[in-house]
N, C-alpha and C. Protein backbone atom coordinates (compact mmCIF):
# COMPACT_ATOMS: atom_id res chain seq x y z
N UNK A 1 0.92 -1.22 -0.28
CA UNK A 1 -0.14 -0.38 -0.52
C UNK A 1 0.95 1.45 -0.37
N UNK A 2 0.30 1.90 -0.72
CA UNK A 2 1.39 2.95 -1.06
C UNK A 2 1.36 4.24 0.42
N UNK A 3 2.08 4.77 0.14
CA UNK A 3 1.96 6.47 1.75
C UNK A 3 2.17 7.38 0.44
N UNK A 4 1.13 8.75 1.31
CA UNK A 4 1.65 10.23 0.42
C UNK A 4 1.10 10.62 1.16
N UNK A 5 2.60 11.57 0.94
CA UNK A 5 2.71 12.66 1.43
C UNK A 5 2.45 14.11 0.64
N UNK A 6 2.25 14.86 1.49
CA UNK A 6 1.39 16.46 0.83
C UNK A 6 2.68 17.20 0.95
N UNK A 7 3.24 17.58 -0.06
CA UNK A 7 4.28 18.76 0.43
C UNK A 7 3.71 20.25 -0.28
N UNK A 8 4.27 21.26 0.77
CA UNK A 8 3.75 22.63 0.34
C UNK A 8 5.07 23.22 -0.33
N UNK A 9 4.94 24.03 -1.57
CA UNK A 9 5.98 24.41 -1.93
C UNK A 9 5.69 25.47 -2.31
N UNK A 10 6.50 27.22 -1.61
CA UNK A 10 6.28 28.10 -2.38
C UNK A 10 7.43 28.84 -2.69
N UNK A 11 7.01 29.40 -4.20
CA UNK A 11 8.33 29.57 -5.02
C UNK A 11 7.63 31.10 -6.01
N UNK A 12 8.31 32.15 -6.63
CA UNK A 12 8.25 32.77 -7.38
C UNK A 12 8.10 32.81 -8.89
N UNK A 13 6.80 32.78 -9.43
CA UNK A 13 6.35 32.06 -10.50
C UNK A 13 5.72 33.34 -11.19
N UNK A 14 5.99 33.65 -12.49
CA UNK A 14 5.68 34.26 -13.00
C UNK A 14 4.03 34.01 -14.19
N UNK A 15 3.73 35.15 -14.05
CA UNK A 15 2.37 35.72 -14.43
C UNK A 15 2.08 35.63 -16.18
N UNK A 16 0.80 35.52 -16.13
CA UNK A 16 0.50 36.09 -17.43
C UNK A 16 0.85 37.45 -17.81
N UNK A 17 0.97 38.28 -17.60
CA UNK A 17 2.29 39.34 -17.65
C UNK A 17 3.16 39.42 -17.43
N UNK A 18 4.08 38.24 -17.36
CA UNK A 18 5.09 38.46 -17.43
C UNK A 18 5.73 38.90 -16.06
N UNK A 19 5.13 39.36 -14.73
CA UNK A 19 5.84 40.09 -13.53
C UNK A 19 6.09 37.87 -12.51
N UNK A 20 6.09 38.26 -11.53
CA UNK A 20 7.66 37.36 -10.43
C UNK A 20 5.88 37.49 -9.79
N UNK A 21 5.37 36.55 -9.38
CA UNK A 21 4.21 36.54 -8.14
C UNK A 21 4.68 35.18 -7.07
N UNK A 22 4.28 35.83 -6.41
CA UNK A 22 5.31 34.68 -5.04
C UNK A 22 3.79 34.17 -5.04
N UNK A 23 3.73 31.93 -4.87
CA UNK A 23 2.79 31.52 -4.74
C UNK A 23 2.87 30.42 -4.00
N UNK A 24 2.05 29.54 -3.27
CA UNK A 24 2.13 28.33 -2.76
C UNK A 24 1.70 26.93 -3.32
N UNK A 25 2.53 26.18 -3.70
CA UNK A 25 1.52 25.34 -3.99
C UNK A 25 1.59 23.82 -3.63
N UNK A 26 0.66 23.32 -4.01
CA UNK A 26 0.68 21.55 -3.08
C UNK A 26 0.78 20.35 -3.94
N UNK A 27 1.69 19.44 -3.64
CA UNK A 27 1.58 18.40 -4.10
C UNK A 27 1.78 17.12 -3.94
N UNK A 28 1.49 16.15 -4.57
CA UNK A 28 1.54 15.03 -3.45
C UNK A 28 2.19 14.03 -3.93
N UNK A 29 2.80 13.40 -3.54
CA UNK A 29 4.20 12.58 -3.31
C UNK A 29 4.25 10.91 -2.60
N UNK A 30 5.09 9.77 -3.50
CA UNK A 30 4.95 8.91 -2.99
C UNK A 30 6.21 8.41 -2.50
N UNK A 31 6.18 8.25 -1.19
CA UNK A 31 7.78 7.99 -0.67
C UNK A 31 7.25 6.83 0.64
N UNK A 32 8.67 6.23 0.93
CA UNK A 32 8.23 5.93 2.48
C UNK A 32 9.06 6.51 4.06
N UNK A 33 9.20 7.61 4.21
CA UNK A 33 9.27 8.28 5.01
C UNK A 33 9.34 9.90 4.42
N UNK A 34 9.49 10.80 5.29
CA UNK A 34 9.48 12.27 5.17
C UNK A 34 10.57 12.25 4.56
N UNK A 35 12.24 12.26 5.28
CA UNK A 35 13.08 12.26 4.17
C UNK A 35 13.25 12.19 2.92
N UNK A 36 12.52 10.82 2.18
CA UNK A 36 12.70 10.22 1.41
C UNK A 36 11.78 11.13 0.25
N UNK A 37 10.51 11.33 1.03
CA UNK A 37 9.69 12.64 0.48
C UNK A 37 10.56 13.98 0.04
N UNK A 38 10.99 14.72 1.34
CA UNK A 38 12.12 15.56 0.60
C UNK A 38 13.05 16.05 -0.97
N UNK A 39 13.37 14.93 -0.22
CA UNK A 39 14.28 14.67 -1.29
C UNK A 39 13.85 14.24 -2.57
N UNK A 40 12.64 13.57 -2.87
CA UNK A 40 12.63 13.25 -4.61
C UNK A 40 11.30 14.67 -4.73
N UNK A 41 10.81 15.54 -3.86
CA UNK A 41 10.21 16.73 -3.98
C UNK A 41 11.29 17.40 -5.28
N UNK A 42 12.37 17.59 -4.10
CA UNK A 42 13.13 19.05 -4.85
C UNK A 42 13.69 17.94 -6.18
N UNK A 43 14.42 16.86 -6.43
CA UNK A 43 14.19 16.12 -7.00
C UNK A 43 13.19 16.40 -8.80
N UNK A 44 12.22 16.30 -8.02
CA UNK A 44 11.28 16.18 -9.05
C UNK A 44 10.75 17.99 -9.58
N UNK A 45 11.00 18.52 -8.72
CA UNK A 45 10.49 19.95 -9.07
C UNK A 45 11.70 20.84 -9.56
N UNK A 46 13.09 20.34 -9.45
CA UNK A 46 14.47 21.20 -9.95
C UNK A 46 14.34 21.42 -11.47
N UNK A 47 14.35 20.52 -12.18
CA UNK A 47 13.93 20.81 -13.61
C UNK A 47 12.64 21.90 -13.88
N UNK A 48 12.02 22.01 -13.14
CA UNK A 48 10.07 22.23 -13.41
C UNK A 48 10.31 23.76 -13.14
N UNK A 49 10.98 24.10 -12.09
CA UNK A 49 10.54 25.22 -11.42
C UNK A 49 11.73 25.96 -11.55
N UNK A 50 11.47 27.34 -12.65
CA UNK A 50 12.40 28.50 -12.61
C UNK A 50 13.08 28.61 -11.57
N UNK A 51 14.69 29.00 -11.40
CA UNK A 51 14.27 29.66 -9.67
C UNK A 51 14.78 29.11 -8.49
N UNK A 52 14.94 29.79 -7.56
CA UNK A 52 14.79 28.85 -6.24
C UNK A 52 13.39 28.77 -5.54
N UNK A 53 13.19 27.36 -4.55
CA UNK A 53 11.94 27.75 -4.85
C UNK A 53 12.48 26.49 -3.37
N UNK A 54 11.48 26.50 -2.30
CA UNK A 54 11.14 26.43 -0.72
C UNK A 54 10.08 25.30 -0.44
N UNK A 55 10.77 24.10 0.10
CA UNK A 55 9.41 23.64 0.72
C UNK A 55 8.96 23.81 1.52
N UNK A 56 8.03 24.67 2.49
CA UNK A 56 7.60 24.70 3.46
C UNK A 56 7.06 23.74 4.62
N UNK A 57 6.43 22.90 3.65
CA UNK A 57 6.43 21.74 4.54
C UNK A 57 5.37 20.78 4.05
N UNK A 58 6.01 19.38 5.06
CA UNK A 58 5.44 17.43 4.51
C UNK A 58 4.35 16.81 5.51
N UNK A 59 3.72 16.94 5.09
CA UNK A 59 2.99 15.87 6.16
C UNK A 59 2.54 14.66 5.23
N UNK A 60 1.75 14.09 6.61
CA UNK A 60 1.40 12.73 5.47
C UNK A 60 -0.30 12.87 5.40
N UNK A 61 -0.36 12.57 3.89
CA UNK A 61 -1.97 12.45 3.78
C UNK A 61 -2.37 11.52 3.83
N UNK A 62 -4.04 11.58 3.89
CA UNK A 62 -5.27 10.42 4.41
C UNK A 62 -5.81 9.70 2.88
N UNK A 63 -5.12 10.23 2.03
CA UNK A 63 -5.47 9.67 0.50
C UNK A 63 -5.05 8.25 0.54
N UNK A 64 -5.54 7.47 -0.11
CA UNK A 64 -5.06 5.87 0.02
C UNK A 64 -5.31 5.59 -1.55
N UNK A 65 -5.38 6.07 -2.33
CA UNK A 65 -5.47 5.56 -3.79
C UNK A 65 -5.65 7.03 -4.25
N UNK A 66 -4.92 6.90 -5.85
CA UNK A 66 -5.05 7.89 -7.14
C UNK A 66 -5.37 7.31 -8.58
N UNK A 67 -6.09 7.68 -8.95
CA UNK A 67 -6.53 7.79 -9.97
C UNK A 67 -6.16 8.53 -10.97
N UNK A 68 -5.52 8.65 -12.15
CA UNK A 68 -5.32 9.43 -13.14
C UNK A 68 -5.82 9.17 -15.03
N UNK A 69 -6.70 10.07 -15.45
CA UNK A 69 -7.06 10.16 -16.45
C UNK A 69 -6.16 10.93 -16.95
N UNK A 70 -5.35 10.69 -18.42
CA UNK A 70 -4.33 11.67 -19.17
C UNK A 70 -5.65 12.61 -20.06
N UNK A 71 -6.56 12.75 -19.85
CA UNK A 71 -7.03 13.91 -20.57
C UNK A 71 -7.23 14.84 -19.84
N UNK A 72 -7.12 15.21 -18.62
CA UNK A 72 -7.32 16.26 -17.76
C UNK A 72 -6.35 16.25 -16.62
N UNK A 73 -5.97 17.69 -16.10
CA UNK A 73 -4.73 16.92 -14.87
C UNK A 73 -5.49 18.03 -14.01
N UNK A 74 -6.39 17.84 -13.60
CA UNK A 74 -8.00 19.14 -12.74
C UNK A 74 -7.56 17.25 -11.39
N UNK A 75 -7.27 17.99 -10.20
CA UNK A 75 -7.90 16.51 -9.08
C UNK A 75 -8.64 17.07 -8.38
N UNK A 76 -9.62 15.53 -8.56
CA UNK A 76 -10.98 16.18 -7.45
C UNK A 76 -10.85 15.37 -6.25
N UNK A 77 -11.11 15.30 -4.94
CA UNK A 77 -11.33 14.76 -3.95
C UNK A 77 -12.24 14.15 -3.72
N UNK A 78 -12.37 12.58 -3.44
CA UNK A 78 -13.60 11.61 -3.04
C UNK A 78 -13.26 11.14 -1.94
N UNK A 79 -14.99 11.36 -1.08
CA UNK A 79 -14.67 10.42 0.02
C UNK A 79 -15.72 9.25 0.01
N UNK A 80 -14.93 8.58 0.24
CA UNK A 80 -15.78 7.25 0.67
C UNK A 80 -16.07 6.67 1.22
N UNK A 81 -17.01 6.04 1.72
CA UNK A 81 -17.81 5.28 2.88
C UNK A 81 -18.62 3.53 2.29
N UNK A 82 -18.10 2.97 3.31
CA UNK A 82 -18.28 1.62 2.81
C UNK A 82 -18.68 1.18 4.72
N UNK A 83 -19.57 0.17 4.69
CA UNK A 83 -20.08 -0.82 6.20
C UNK A 83 -19.10 -2.05 6.16
N UNK A 84 -18.59 -2.68 6.83
CA UNK A 84 -17.79 -3.80 6.94
C UNK A 84 -18.14 -4.71 8.06
N UNK A 85 -18.32 -5.48 8.46
CA UNK A 85 -18.59 -6.45 9.85
C UNK A 85 -17.13 -6.74 10.92
N UNK A 86 -17.46 -6.21 11.54
CA UNK A 86 -15.89 -6.44 12.70
C UNK A 86 -15.56 -8.01 12.64
N UNK A 87 -14.09 -8.15 12.79
CA UNK A 87 -14.08 -9.80 12.58
C UNK A 87 -14.50 -10.55 13.87
N UNK A 88 -14.11 -10.04 14.96
CA UNK A 88 -14.17 -10.20 16.57
C UNK A 88 -15.43 -9.86 16.77
N UNK A 89 -16.19 -8.78 16.83
CA UNK A 89 -17.91 -8.91 17.35
C UNK A 89 -18.86 -9.13 16.33
N UNK A 90 -17.99 -9.55 15.44
CA UNK A 90 -19.44 -8.93 14.45
C UNK A 90 -20.04 -7.88 14.00
N UNK A 91 -19.85 -7.21 14.88
CA UNK A 91 -20.58 -5.54 14.38
C UNK A 91 -19.95 -5.11 13.69
N UNK A 92 -21.58 -4.48 13.11
CA UNK A 92 -20.56 -3.30 11.38
C UNK A 92 -19.97 -2.50 11.68
N UNK A 93 -19.55 -2.23 10.84
CA UNK A 93 -18.45 -0.29 11.38
C UNK A 93 -18.18 0.16 10.22
N UNK A 94 -18.28 1.85 9.99
CA UNK A 94 -18.32 2.30 8.75
C UNK A 94 -16.36 2.47 8.64
N UNK A 95 -16.47 2.35 7.64
CA UNK A 95 -15.14 2.65 6.75
C UNK A 95 -15.05 3.85 5.71
N UNK A 96 -14.53 5.35 6.41
CA UNK A 96 -14.23 6.45 5.06
C UNK A 96 -12.63 6.34 5.13
N UNK A 97 -12.75 6.75 3.53
CA UNK A 97 -11.58 6.40 3.13
C UNK A 97 -11.47 7.75 2.46
N UNK A 98 -10.36 8.51 1.74
CA UNK A 98 -10.40 9.64 0.81
C UNK A 98 -9.13 8.82 -0.84
N UNK A 99 -9.67 9.30 -1.78
CA UNK A 99 -9.07 9.07 -2.91
C UNK A 99 -9.24 10.62 -3.56
N UNK A 100 -8.30 10.35 -4.90
CA UNK A 100 -8.21 11.59 -5.72
C UNK A 100 -8.57 10.51 -7.48
N UNK A 101 -9.12 11.48 -8.16
CA UNK A 101 -9.30 11.49 -9.72
C UNK A 101 -9.67 12.38 -10.65
N UNK A 102 -8.63 12.68 -11.09
CA UNK A 102 -8.80 13.85 -12.50
C UNK A 102 -10.07 13.69 -13.17
N UNK A 103 -10.57 14.53 -13.24
CA UNK A 103 -12.06 14.69 -14.03
C UNK A 103 -12.13 16.44 -14.14
N UNK A 104 -12.61 16.58 -15.29
CA UNK A 104 -13.42 18.05 -15.28
C UNK A 104 -14.19 19.41 -14.50
N UNK A 105 -14.37 18.51 -14.01
CA UNK A 105 -15.94 18.63 -13.57
C UNK A 105 -16.24 17.56 -12.12
N UNK A 106 -17.07 18.14 -11.17
CA UNK A 106 -17.59 17.13 -10.47
C UNK A 106 -18.09 15.94 -11.09
N UNK A 107 -19.08 16.13 -11.40
CA UNK A 107 -19.86 15.26 -12.34
C UNK A 107 -19.50 13.64 -13.19
N UNK A 108 -18.27 14.24 -13.26
CA UNK A 108 -17.21 13.57 -14.40
C UNK A 108 -16.21 12.50 -13.14
N UNK A 109 -16.26 13.11 -12.06
CA UNK A 109 -15.59 12.49 -11.44
C UNK A 109 -16.08 11.80 -10.66
N UNK A 110 -16.98 11.77 -10.60
CA UNK A 110 -18.71 10.72 -9.34
C UNK A 110 -18.35 9.69 -10.77
N UNK A 111 -19.04 9.91 -12.13
CA UNK A 111 -18.88 8.34 -12.90
C UNK A 111 -16.94 8.24 -12.74
N UNK A 112 -15.76 9.25 -12.53
CA UNK A 112 -14.81 7.79 -13.02
C UNK A 112 -14.62 7.24 -11.37
N UNK A 113 -15.13 7.62 -10.68
CA UNK A 113 -14.58 7.07 -8.99
C UNK A 113 -15.37 5.50 -8.93
N UNK A 114 -16.79 6.28 -9.43
CA UNK A 114 -17.58 4.30 -9.68
C UNK A 114 -16.72 3.48 -10.23
N UNK A 115 -16.28 4.23 -11.56
CA UNK A 115 -15.91 3.75 -13.24
C UNK A 115 -14.75 2.53 -11.99
N UNK A 116 -13.41 3.16 -11.58
CA UNK A 116 -12.27 2.79 -10.78
C UNK A 116 -12.59 2.01 -9.60
N UNK A 117 -13.88 2.31 -9.52
CA UNK A 117 -13.81 1.08 -8.17
C UNK A 117 -14.82 0.19 -8.02
N UNK A 118 -15.20 -0.19 -9.75
CA UNK A 118 -15.99 -1.41 -10.01
C UNK A 118 -15.68 -2.06 -9.24
N UNK A 119 -14.02 -3.32 -8.93
CA UNK A 119 -13.80 -4.18 -8.63
C UNK A 119 -13.99 -4.34 -7.05
N UNK A 120 -14.48 -3.73 -6.61
CA UNK A 120 -14.75 -3.56 -4.75
C UNK A 120 -16.24 -4.41 -4.47
N UNK A 121 -15.56 -4.96 -3.50
CA UNK A 121 -16.38 -6.36 -3.42
C UNK A 121 -17.89 -5.70 -2.37
N UNK A 122 -17.74 -4.92 -2.34
CA UNK A 122 -18.99 -4.47 -1.14
C UNK A 122 -19.61 -3.05 -1.55
N UNK A 123 -20.66 -2.84 -1.27
CA UNK A 123 -21.24 -1.45 -1.87
C UNK A 123 -20.47 -0.52 -0.82
N UNK A 124 -20.38 0.79 -2.11
CA UNK A 124 -20.13 2.22 -0.87
C UNK A 124 -21.01 3.58 -2.16
N UNK A 125 -20.69 4.32 -1.13
CA UNK A 125 -20.60 5.36 -1.55
C UNK A 125 -20.43 6.74 -1.88
N UNK A 126 -20.39 7.36 -2.60
CA UNK A 126 -19.26 9.21 -2.58
C UNK A 126 -19.94 10.27 -2.08
N UNK A 127 -20.17 10.34 -0.47
CA UNK A 127 -20.94 11.04 -0.01
C UNK A 127 -20.55 12.64 -0.47
N UNK A 128 -19.60 13.03 -0.57
CA UNK A 128 -18.75 13.86 -1.17
C UNK A 128 -17.55 14.23 -1.85
N UNK A 129 -17.52 15.04 -2.87
CA UNK A 129 -16.22 15.32 -3.83
C UNK A 129 -16.08 16.48 -4.30
N UNK A 130 -14.84 16.92 -3.95
CA UNK A 130 -14.53 18.38 -3.98
C UNK A 130 -13.28 18.84 -5.34
N UNK A 131 -12.59 19.71 -5.62
CA UNK A 131 -11.92 19.87 -6.71
C UNK A 131 -10.51 19.85 -5.59
N UNK A 132 -9.06 19.23 -5.67
CA UNK A 132 -8.81 19.18 -4.77
C UNK A 132 -6.99 20.53 -5.09
N UNK A 133 -6.72 21.09 -3.98
CA UNK A 133 -6.01 22.01 -4.62
C UNK A 133 -3.89 21.48 -5.31
N UNK A 134 -4.28 20.38 -4.98
CA UNK A 134 -3.28 19.70 -5.71
C UNK A 134 -2.84 19.65 -7.25
N UNK A 135 -1.97 20.26 -7.32
CA UNK A 135 -1.17 20.18 -8.63
C UNK A 135 -0.70 19.25 -9.19
N UNK A 136 0.06 18.05 -8.75
CA UNK A 136 0.54 17.36 -9.78
C UNK A 136 0.90 16.14 -8.54
N UNK A 137 0.16 15.23 -9.27
CA UNK A 137 0.94 13.78 -8.54
C UNK A 137 2.36 12.99 -8.49
N UNK A 138 3.28 13.20 -7.35
CA UNK A 138 4.31 12.12 -8.59
C UNK A 138 4.48 10.76 -7.95
N UNK A 139 3.56 9.79 -8.09
CA UNK A 139 4.16 8.03 -8.11
C UNK A 139 5.12 7.49 -7.51
N UNK A 140 5.58 7.12 -6.95
CA UNK A 140 6.61 6.24 -6.59
C UNK A 140 7.59 4.95 -8.10
N UNK A 141 8.47 5.34 -7.89
CA UNK A 141 8.67 4.48 -9.97
C UNK A 141 10.13 3.55 -9.44
N UNK A 142 10.13 2.74 -9.98
CA UNK A 142 11.58 1.69 -9.66
C UNK A 142 12.64 2.31 -10.38
N UNK A 143 12.59 3.37 -10.72
CA UNK A 143 13.57 4.08 -11.12
C UNK A 143 14.30 5.16 -10.62
N UNK A 144 13.42 5.54 -9.09
CA UNK A 144 13.88 6.32 -7.98
C UNK A 144 14.04 5.76 -6.96
N UNK A 145 14.60 4.52 -6.94
CA UNK A 145 15.48 4.18 -6.18
C UNK A 145 17.11 4.70 -5.69
N UNK A 146 17.34 5.73 -6.92
CA UNK A 146 18.56 6.09 -6.63
C UNK A 146 18.44 7.58 -5.87
N UNK A 147 16.51 8.05 -5.94
CA UNK A 147 16.93 9.32 -4.98
C UNK A 147 16.84 8.71 -3.08
N UNK A 148 16.56 7.90 -3.33
CA UNK A 148 16.83 7.37 -1.20
C UNK A 148 17.88 6.93 -0.84
N UNK A 149 17.77 8.29 -0.03
CA UNK A 149 19.48 8.88 1.29
C UNK A 149 19.70 7.94 1.24
N UNK A 150 20.81 7.90 1.56
CA UNK A 150 22.44 6.84 1.74
C UNK A 150 22.00 6.98 3.02
N UNK A 151 22.49 5.48 3.53
CA UNK A 151 22.28 4.72 5.04
C UNK A 151 23.10 5.96 5.69
N UNK A 152 23.11 6.27 7.45
CA UNK A 152 24.15 6.43 7.62
C UNK A 152 25.63 6.30 7.51
N UNK A 153 26.68 6.70 7.59
CA UNK A 153 28.33 6.12 7.73
C UNK A 153 28.76 4.92 8.33
N UNK A 154 27.86 5.10 9.84
CA UNK A 154 28.66 3.95 10.90
C UNK A 154 27.92 2.37 10.71
N UNK A 155 26.73 3.10 9.63
CA UNK A 155 26.05 1.17 10.01
C UNK A 155 26.89 0.58 8.29
N UNK A 156 26.73 -0.79 8.44
CA UNK A 156 27.29 -1.58 7.06
C UNK A 156 25.93 -2.34 7.16
N UNK A 157 26.06 -3.17 5.38
CA UNK A 157 25.29 -4.34 4.95
C UNK A 157 25.18 -5.04 5.96
N UNK A 158 23.95 -6.28 6.46
CA UNK A 158 24.32 -7.18 7.04
C UNK A 158 24.49 -8.25 6.49
N UNK A 159 25.05 -8.30 4.91
CA UNK A 159 25.77 -9.41 4.97
C UNK A 159 27.67 -8.70 5.11
N UNK A 160 27.35 -8.09 5.28
CA UNK A 160 28.99 -7.11 5.66
C UNK A 160 29.18 -7.91 7.41
N UNK A 161 28.08 -7.10 7.94
CA UNK A 161 28.06 -7.81 9.40
C UNK A 161 28.29 -9.81 9.89
N UNK A 162 27.46 -10.21 9.52
CA UNK A 162 27.40 -11.48 9.27
C UNK A 162 28.93 -12.32 8.29
N UNK A 163 29.76 -11.85 7.38
CA UNK A 163 31.20 -12.15 7.25
C UNK A 163 31.93 -11.60 8.49
N UNK A 164 31.90 -10.54 8.73
CA UNK A 164 32.85 -10.09 9.73
C UNK A 164 32.82 -11.25 11.54
N UNK A 165 31.55 -11.30 11.58
CA UNK A 165 31.33 -12.29 12.75
C UNK A 165 31.84 -14.17 12.49
N UNK A 166 31.51 -14.24 11.04
CA UNK A 166 31.88 -15.47 11.00
C UNK A 166 33.96 -15.55 10.56
N UNK A 167 34.42 -14.30 10.46
CA UNK A 167 35.80 -14.42 10.61
C UNK A 167 36.35 -14.15 12.38
N UNK A 168 35.76 -13.42 12.65
CA UNK A 168 35.98 -13.36 14.11
C UNK A 168 35.91 -14.90 15.41
N UNK A 169 35.05 -15.37 14.36
CA UNK A 169 34.27 -16.70 15.20
C UNK A 169 35.53 -17.96 14.83
N UNK A 170 35.61 -17.86 13.68
CA UNK A 170 37.16 -18.67 12.82
C UNK A 170 38.38 -18.65 13.91
N UNK A 171 38.74 -17.25 13.80
CA UNK A 171 40.40 -16.40 14.36
C UNK A 171 40.09 -16.82 16.33
N UNK A 172 38.92 -16.60 16.64
CA UNK A 172 38.53 -17.40 17.94
C UNK A 172 38.64 -18.97 18.11
N UNK A 173 38.34 -19.86 17.49
CA UNK A 173 38.29 -20.81 17.05
C UNK A 173 39.93 -21.25 17.13
N UNK A 174 40.46 -20.75 16.24
CA UNK A 174 42.19 -21.25 15.96
C UNK A 174 43.09 -20.76 17.14
N UNK A 175 42.68 -19.70 18.34
CA UNK A 175 43.01 -19.44 19.18
C UNK A 175 43.14 -20.37 20.20
N UNK A 176 42.02 -21.09 20.34
CA UNK A 176 41.75 -21.67 21.16
C UNK A 176 42.68 -23.33 21.26
N UNK A 177 42.21 -23.53 19.91
CA UNK A 177 43.22 -24.90 19.35
C UNK A 177 44.91 -24.68 19.99
N UNK A 178 45.42 -23.47 19.14
CA UNK A 178 46.75 -23.21 20.11
C UNK A 178 46.73 -23.37 21.03
N UNK A 179 45.68 -22.92 22.35
CA UNK A 179 46.35 -22.95 23.65
C UNK A 179 46.03 -23.66 24.50
N UNK A 180 45.47 -24.91 23.58
CA UNK A 180 44.97 -26.32 24.56
C UNK A 180 46.54 -26.99 24.19
N UNK A 181 46.89 -27.87 25.49
CA UNK A 181 48.07 -28.07 25.78
C UNK A 181 48.21 -29.10 24.88
N UNK A 182 49.33 -29.90 24.19
CA UNK A 182 49.21 -30.69 23.85
C UNK A 182 49.39 -32.94 24.58
N UNK A 183 48.79 -33.46 24.18
CA UNK A 183 49.31 -34.49 25.48
C UNK A 183 50.01 -35.68 25.10
N UNK A 184 50.95 -35.49 26.23
CA UNK A 184 51.56 -36.24 26.61
C UNK A 184 51.85 -38.04 26.20
N UNK A 185 52.79 -38.47 24.79
CA UNK A 185 52.62 -39.57 24.96
C UNK A 185 52.87 -41.08 26.09
N UNK A 186 52.58 -41.61 26.29
CA UNK A 186 53.30 -42.72 26.97
C UNK A 186 54.08 -43.07 26.55
N UNK A 187 55.86 -42.53 27.16
CA UNK A 187 56.85 -43.76 26.62
C UNK A 187 57.45 -44.24 27.65
N UNK A 188 56.63 -44.47 28.73
CA UNK A 188 57.17 -45.04 29.98
C UNK A 188 57.66 -47.29 28.82
N UNK A 189 56.73 -47.48 28.16
CA UNK A 189 56.85 -48.57 27.41
C UNK A 189 58.11 -48.50 26.18
N UNK A 190 58.58 -49.46 26.02
CA UNK A 190 59.88 -49.33 24.93
C UNK A 190 60.73 -47.99 24.38
N UNK A 191 60.71 -47.65 25.95
CA UNK A 191 61.53 -46.62 26.11
C UNK A 191 62.91 -46.48 26.45
N UNK A 192 64.33 -46.39 25.98
CA UNK A 192 64.77 -46.85 26.46
C UNK A 192 66.59 -45.34 26.12
N UNK A 193 66.81 -45.73 27.35
CA UNK A 193 67.96 -44.53 27.72
C UNK A 193 69.00 -44.73 26.60
N UNK A 194 69.82 -43.31 26.18
CA UNK A 194 70.74 -43.91 25.32
C UNK A 194 71.90 -45.02 26.05
N UNK A 195 71.91 -45.48 27.02
CA UNK A 195 72.84 -46.16 27.82
C UNK A 195 72.62 -47.43 28.08
N UNK A 196 71.40 -47.50 28.09
CA UNK A 196 70.54 -48.81 28.43
C UNK A 196 70.94 -49.15 26.90
N UNK A 197 70.44 -48.46 25.81
CA UNK A 197 70.41 -49.69 24.60
C UNK A 197 71.94 -50.09 24.32
N UNK A 198 71.15 -52.19 24.54
CA UNK A 198 72.56 -52.48 24.52
C UNK A 198 73.23 -52.92 22.92
N UNK A 199 74.21 -52.60 23.05
CA UNK A 199 75.02 -52.36 21.41
C UNK A 199 76.10 -54.01 20.95
N UNK A 200 75.37 -54.37 19.90
CA UNK A 200 76.53 -55.56 19.79
C UNK A 200 78.29 -55.87 20.58
N UNK A 201 78.70 -54.34 20.45
CA UNK A 201 80.26 -54.36 20.92
C UNK A 201 80.38 -54.92 22.53
N UNK A 202 78.75 -53.83 23.40
CA UNK A 202 78.97 -54.27 24.66
C UNK A 202 78.40 -55.78 24.55
N UNK A 203 77.92 -56.52 24.03
CA UNK A 203 77.12 -57.92 24.50
C UNK A 203 78.75 -59.26 23.62
N UNK A 204 79.28 -58.32 23.33
CA UNK A 204 80.85 -59.14 22.68
C UNK A 204 81.72 -59.44 24.05
N UNK A 205 81.39 -57.77 24.42
CA UNK A 205 82.41 -58.14 25.70
C UNK A 205 81.67 -58.99 26.99
N UNK A 206 80.49 -58.81 27.00
CA UNK A 206 79.76 -59.34 27.59
C UNK A 206 80.33 -61.11 27.89
N UNK A 207 80.06 -61.24 26.67
CA UNK A 207 80.67 -63.13 26.12
C UNK A 207 82.35 -63.73 26.31
N UNK A 208 82.94 -62.08 26.04
CA UNK A 208 84.41 -62.58 26.88
C UNK A 208 84.66 -62.74 28.03
N UNK A 209 83.45 -61.77 28.66
CA UNK A 209 83.90 -62.01 30.30
C UNK A 209 83.60 -63.28 30.79
N UNK A 210 82.49 -63.11 30.25
CA UNK A 210 80.96 -64.67 31.17
C UNK A 210 82.32 -65.92 30.20
N UNK A 211 83.47 -65.76 29.19
CA UNK A 211 84.21 -66.98 29.30
C UNK A 211 85.87 -66.82 29.88
N UNK A 212 85.80 -65.42 29.68
CA UNK A 212 87.20 -66.02 30.79
C UNK A 212 86.91 -66.41 32.67
N UNK A 213 85.50 -66.30 33.21
CA UNK A 213 85.53 -66.54 34.14
C UNK A 213 84.97 -68.07 33.93
N UNK A 214 84.48 -68.61 33.41
CA UNK A 214 84.76 -70.09 32.99
C UNK A 214 86.18 -70.63 33.09
N UNK A 215 86.62 -69.89 31.92
CA UNK A 215 88.31 -70.84 31.49
C UNK A 215 88.37 -70.59 33.08
N UNK A 216 88.69 -69.39 34.01
CA UNK A 216 89.53 -69.09 35.28
C UNK A 216 88.74 -70.40 36.58
N UNK A 217 87.43 -70.91 36.05
CA UNK A 217 86.91 -71.35 37.25
C UNK A 217 87.28 -72.82 36.89
N UNK A 218 87.31 -73.70 35.67
CA UNK A 218 87.81 -74.62 34.83
C UNK A 218 89.85 -75.46 35.69
N UNK A 219 89.93 -74.00 35.02
CA UNK A 219 91.35 -74.29 35.83
C UNK A 219 91.85 -74.37 37.04
N UNK A 220 91.02 -73.55 38.45
CA UNK A 220 90.79 -73.59 40.00
C UNK A 220 90.86 -75.01 40.05
N UNK A 221 89.57 -76.25 39.41
CA UNK A 221 89.49 -76.89 39.44
C UNK A 221 90.83 -77.93 38.79
N UNK A 222 91.19 -77.76 38.37
CA UNK A 222 92.24 -78.98 37.90
C UNK A 222 93.50 -78.81 39.05
N UNK A 223 93.85 -77.98 39.44
CA UNK A 223 94.83 -77.49 40.22
C UNK A 223 94.55 -77.85 41.98
N UNK A 224 93.14 -78.22 42.01
CA UNK A 224 93.09 -79.01 43.73
C UNK A 224 93.15 -80.13 43.02
C-alpha cells in the first residue's frame, strides 16, 4: 500500500503579464519516509521550477489511492464510505477513505470514481467530492530508487556484519586450539635411554668376560 505525503512548495512564479508573484502550491508524492519525500520533491521540481523554491511543509496525507485519466490534470478529492463487519465482535462498522481522480468537473469525477472502484466487493457511497488544490502527483517508480538517501556512514550492510562475525568466530576457534596443551605420549613402554640400549660391542664384551670367568673356574678345579 502506498504512503502519500503532501508537500507545500513556495516560489516566485511568472504570471501572464510576465511579472513574478510568490505562490504556494501543493504536491502529492509517494515515499516511504519524510526524508525520502523531501529528497524526491526537490529532485522532481528542480527541473520544472525556474529559480529557487522552498518546501515549507511536508505532512502525511489521508489519501489511500489515486486514479489518473490523461485527458485532464485537474484533481478531485472523493470521500468514499462503506460498511464492513468486525471480525471479532461481528458488529458492523463504517469505514471512510479518501481518493483522488482527475476529471473536468464534479459530475465526471463521480462517474470516474465509480468506474475505478467497480471491482470492490462491498457496496460503497460517494457522499462528497471537491476539487483539490493539488497541482501534481508523483507516484513512486522503480527508477526512483537512486533518490533514496544513503544509509548513515556508521552502519554496515547485514551481509558484511555476518561476514565479520564469521571471521571473528574462526579466529577465536583457532586461538583456542593453539592454547590447548598437547597430550603427552606415554613413553614408559618401549623407551630406552642411550646408556640402556645394548650394542653389539657390549654384547661381545659381556660374552668374553663370561668365557674368561668359566676358564678361570676350570683352572682352579685342575689345581685342586
